[in-house]
Amino acid sequence: MDQLDRAIINGLQGGFPICEHPYAGMAAQFGITEQTLIARIDSLLQRKILSRFGPMYHAERLGGSLSLAAMKLPEEDFGRVAEIVNAMPEIAHNYARDHQFNMWFVLATETPQAHADALKKIEQDTGYAVYDMPKIKEYFVGLHFKA
């Protein structure tokens, strides 16, 4: 990542303009064109620096479900399971951890039933148990890079 990529990531976490041309509005903050901003976001996604780009909704307020989940995986099977989990549209974030629970991910769905179904699918497709930890209290933690 270069300095502009870091600035874009930092800036996009603070909100996205609600206007007729939101990419142009955001690009102006970085002194670049709308097309350059879109190309940079596409590049960050292609290089898997960003796993997704889109709005974050408060799932529970919309009737959905959200939780943090963890799995205990053998190191030799971690990559296979990560591909399965990351391919699911319900997965917002996925992290490797140096811990007995070495894969952690955020699962968000439109309904509580869809949440249960997604957990069951992960277990069936991977062959490993998923430890589901529903949110008790919400915290916001931002990740910002030195630009």
Protein backbone atom coordinates (compact mmCIF):
# COMPACT_ATOMS: atom_id res chain seq x y z
CA MET A 1 0.00 0.00 0.00
CA ASP A 2 1.18 3.46 -0.73
CA GLN A 3 0.37 6.69 1.10
CA LEU A 4 -2.75 7.36 -1.02
CA ASP A 5 -4.13 3.85 -0.39
CA ARG A 6 -3.73 4.38 3.35
CA ALA A 7 -5.40 7.79 3.17
CA ILE A 8 -8.31 6.31 1.18
CA ILE A 9 -8.82 3.48 3.69
CA ASN A 10 -8.69 5.93 6.60
CA GLY A 11 -11.05 8.37 4.88
CA LEU A 12 -13.62 5.78 3.84
CA GLN A 13 -13.99 4.57 7.43
CA GLY A 14 -15.29 7.97 8.46
CA GLY A 15 -18.36 7.79 6.26
CA PHE A 16 -19.35 8.12 2.65
CA PRO A 17 -21.05 11.22 1.27
CA ILE A 18 -24.77 11.01 0.61
CA CYS A 19 -25.06 13.01 -2.59
CA GLU A 20 -25.63 12.61 -6.32
CA HIS A 21 -21.94 11.75 -6.98
CA PRO A 22 -20.54 10.29 -3.74
CA TYR A 23 -17.31 8.98 -5.29
CA ALA A 24 -16.55 12.40 -6.74
CA GLY A 25 -17.23 14.01 -3.37
CA MET A 26 -14.92 11.59 -1.59
CA ALA A 27 -12.23 11.81 -4.29
CA ALA A 28 -12.11 15.59 -3.92
CA GLN A 29 -11.03 15.10 -0.29
CA PHE A 30 -7.94 13.27 -1.57
CA GLY A 31 -7.24 15.61 -4.49
CA ILE A 32 -7.88 12.86 -7.06
CA THR A 33 -10.53 12.17 -9.69
CA GLU A 34 -13.60 10.02 -9.18
CA GLN A 35 -12.20 7.47 -11.67
CA THR A 36 -8.90 7.28 -9.76
CA LEU A 37 -10.71 6.67 -6.47
CA ILE A 38 -12.83 3.90 -7.98
CA ALA A 39 -9.73 2.31 -9.56
CA ARG A 40 -7.89 2.47 -6.21
CA ILE A 41 -10.79 0.82 -4.36
CA ASP A 42 -10.97 -1.88 -7.05
CA SER A 43 -7.23 -2.45 -6.73
CA LEU A 44 -7.44 -2.74 -2.92
CA LEU A 45 -10.18 -5.35 -3.34
CA GLN A 46 -8.33 -7.26 -6.09
CA ARG A 47 -5.15 -7.38 -3.98
CA LYS A 48 -7.26 -8.53 -1.01
CA ILE A 49 -6.07 -5.62 1.12
CA LEU A 50 -9.80 -4.93 1.55
CA SER A 51 -12.07 -7.94 1.86
CA ARG A 52 -15.17 -5.93 1.03
CA PHE A 53 -16.33 -2.40 0.28
CA GLY A 54 -19.85 -1.42 1.18
CA PRO A 55 -22.08 -0.08 3.89
CA MET A 56 -22.23 -1.57 7.37
CA TYR A 57 -25.76 -1.85 8.75
CA HIS A 58 -26.91 -2.44 12.30
CA ALA A 59 -28.26 -5.92 11.60
CA GLU A 60 -30.34 -6.31 14.74
CA ARG A 61 -32.19 -3.03 14.21
CA LEU A 62 -33.18 -4.29 10.76
CA GLY A 63 -34.42 -7.64 12.12
CA GLY A 64 -31.19 -9.48 11.40
CA SER A 65 -28.50 -11.14 13.44
CA LEU A 66 -24.81 -10.47 14.09
CA SER A 67 -22.15 -12.32 16.06
CA LEU A 68 -18.48 -13.05 16.44
CA ALA A 69 -17.57 -16.66 15.79
CA ALA A 70 -14.42 -18.69 16.28
CA MET A 71 -13.05 -22.03 15.13
CA LYS A 72 -10.23 -24.33 16.26
CA LEU A 73 -8.46 -25.51 13.12
CA PRO A 74 -5.35 -27.56 12.40
CA GLU A 75 -2.80 -25.34 10.69
CA GLU A 76 -2.64 -27.64 7.66
CA ASP A 77 -6.39 -27.15 7.02
CA PHE A 78 -6.59 -23.43 7.79
CA GLY A 79 -6.35 -22.26 4.17
CA ARG A 80 -9.07 -24.59 2.93
CA VAL A 81 -11.47 -23.53 5.68
CA ALA A 82 -10.64 -19.84 5.18
CA GLU A 83 -11.60 -20.12 1.50
CA ILE A 84 -14.96 -21.67 2.40
CA VAL A 85 -15.73 -19.13 5.12
CA ASN A 86 -14.55 -16.12 3.12
CA ALA A 87 -16.69 -17.13 0.12
CA MET A 88 -19.86 -16.70 2.16
CA PRO A 89 -21.60 -13.32 1.71
CA GLU A 90 -22.63 -13.41 5.39
CA ILE A 91 -19.00 -13.08 6.51
CA ALA A 92 -17.91 -9.47 7.00
CA HIS A 93 -14.43 -9.97 8.50
CA ASN A 94 -12.19 -12.98 9.05
CA TYR A 95 -9.01 -13.02 11.12
CA ALA A 96 -6.27 -15.55 11.85
CA ARG A 97 -5.21 -15.58 15.51
CA ASP A 98 -2.29 -17.13 17.39
CA HIS A 99 -4.55 -18.96 19.84
CA GLN A 100 -6.24 -22.36 20.17
CA PHE A 101 -9.23 -20.64 18.52
CA ASN A 102 -7.20 -19.59 15.49
CA MET A 103 -9.94 -18.35 13.13
CA TRP A 104 -12.31 -15.55 14.16
CA PHE A 105 -14.96 -14.01 11.93
CA VAL A 106 -17.99 -11.73 12.02
CA LEU A 107 -21.22 -13.25 10.77
CA ALA A 108 -24.12 -10.94 9.81
CA THR A 109 -27.42 -12.11 8.36
CA GLU A 110 -30.84 -10.72 7.47
CA THR A 111 -32.68 -12.94 9.96
CA PRO A 112 -31.86 -14.99 13.06
CA GLN A 113 -32.82 -18.15 11.11
CA ALA A 114 -30.36 -17.25 8.33
CA HIS A 115 -27.71 -16.86 11.04
CA ALA A 116 -28.36 -20.36 12.37
CA ASP A 117 -28.38 -21.71 8.80
CA ALA A 118 -25.02 -20.03 7.98
CA LEU A 119 -23.40 -21.49 11.11
CA LYS A 120 -24.72 -24.94 10.22
CA LYS A 121 -23.47 -24.59 6.62
CA ILE A 122 -19.96 -23.64 7.79
CA GLU A 123 -19.84 -26.66 10.09
CA GLN A 124 -21.13 -29.00 7.37
CA ASP A 125 -18.85 -27.63 4.64
CA THR A 126 -15.70 -27.53 6.78
CA GLY A 127 -16.18 -30.44 9.18
CA TYR A 128 -15.31 -28.26 12.18
CA ALA A 129 -17.37 -26.80 15.01
CA VAL A 130 -18.15 -23.08 15.05
CA TYR A 131 -18.25 -21.34 18.43
CA ASP A 132 -20.86 -18.58 18.12
CA MET A 133 -20.59 -15.56 20.43
CA PRO A 134 -23.54 -13.18 20.05
CA LYS A 135 -22.95 -9.55 20.88
CA ILE A 136 -23.80 -8.46 24.42
CA LYS A 137 -22.53 -4.88 24.11
CA GLU A 138 -21.41 -2.99 21.01
CA TYR A 139 -18.01 -1.30 20.71
CA PHE A 140 -16.50 0.49 17.73
CA VAL A 141 -12.84 -0.04 16.96
CA GLY A 142 -11.36 1.70 13.93
CA LEU A 143 -8.24 0.72 12.05
CA HIS A 144 -6.31 3.69 10.75
CA PHE A 145 -2.97 3.77 8.95
CA LYS A 146 -0.31 6.46 9.03
CA ALA A 147 -0.79 8.20 5.69
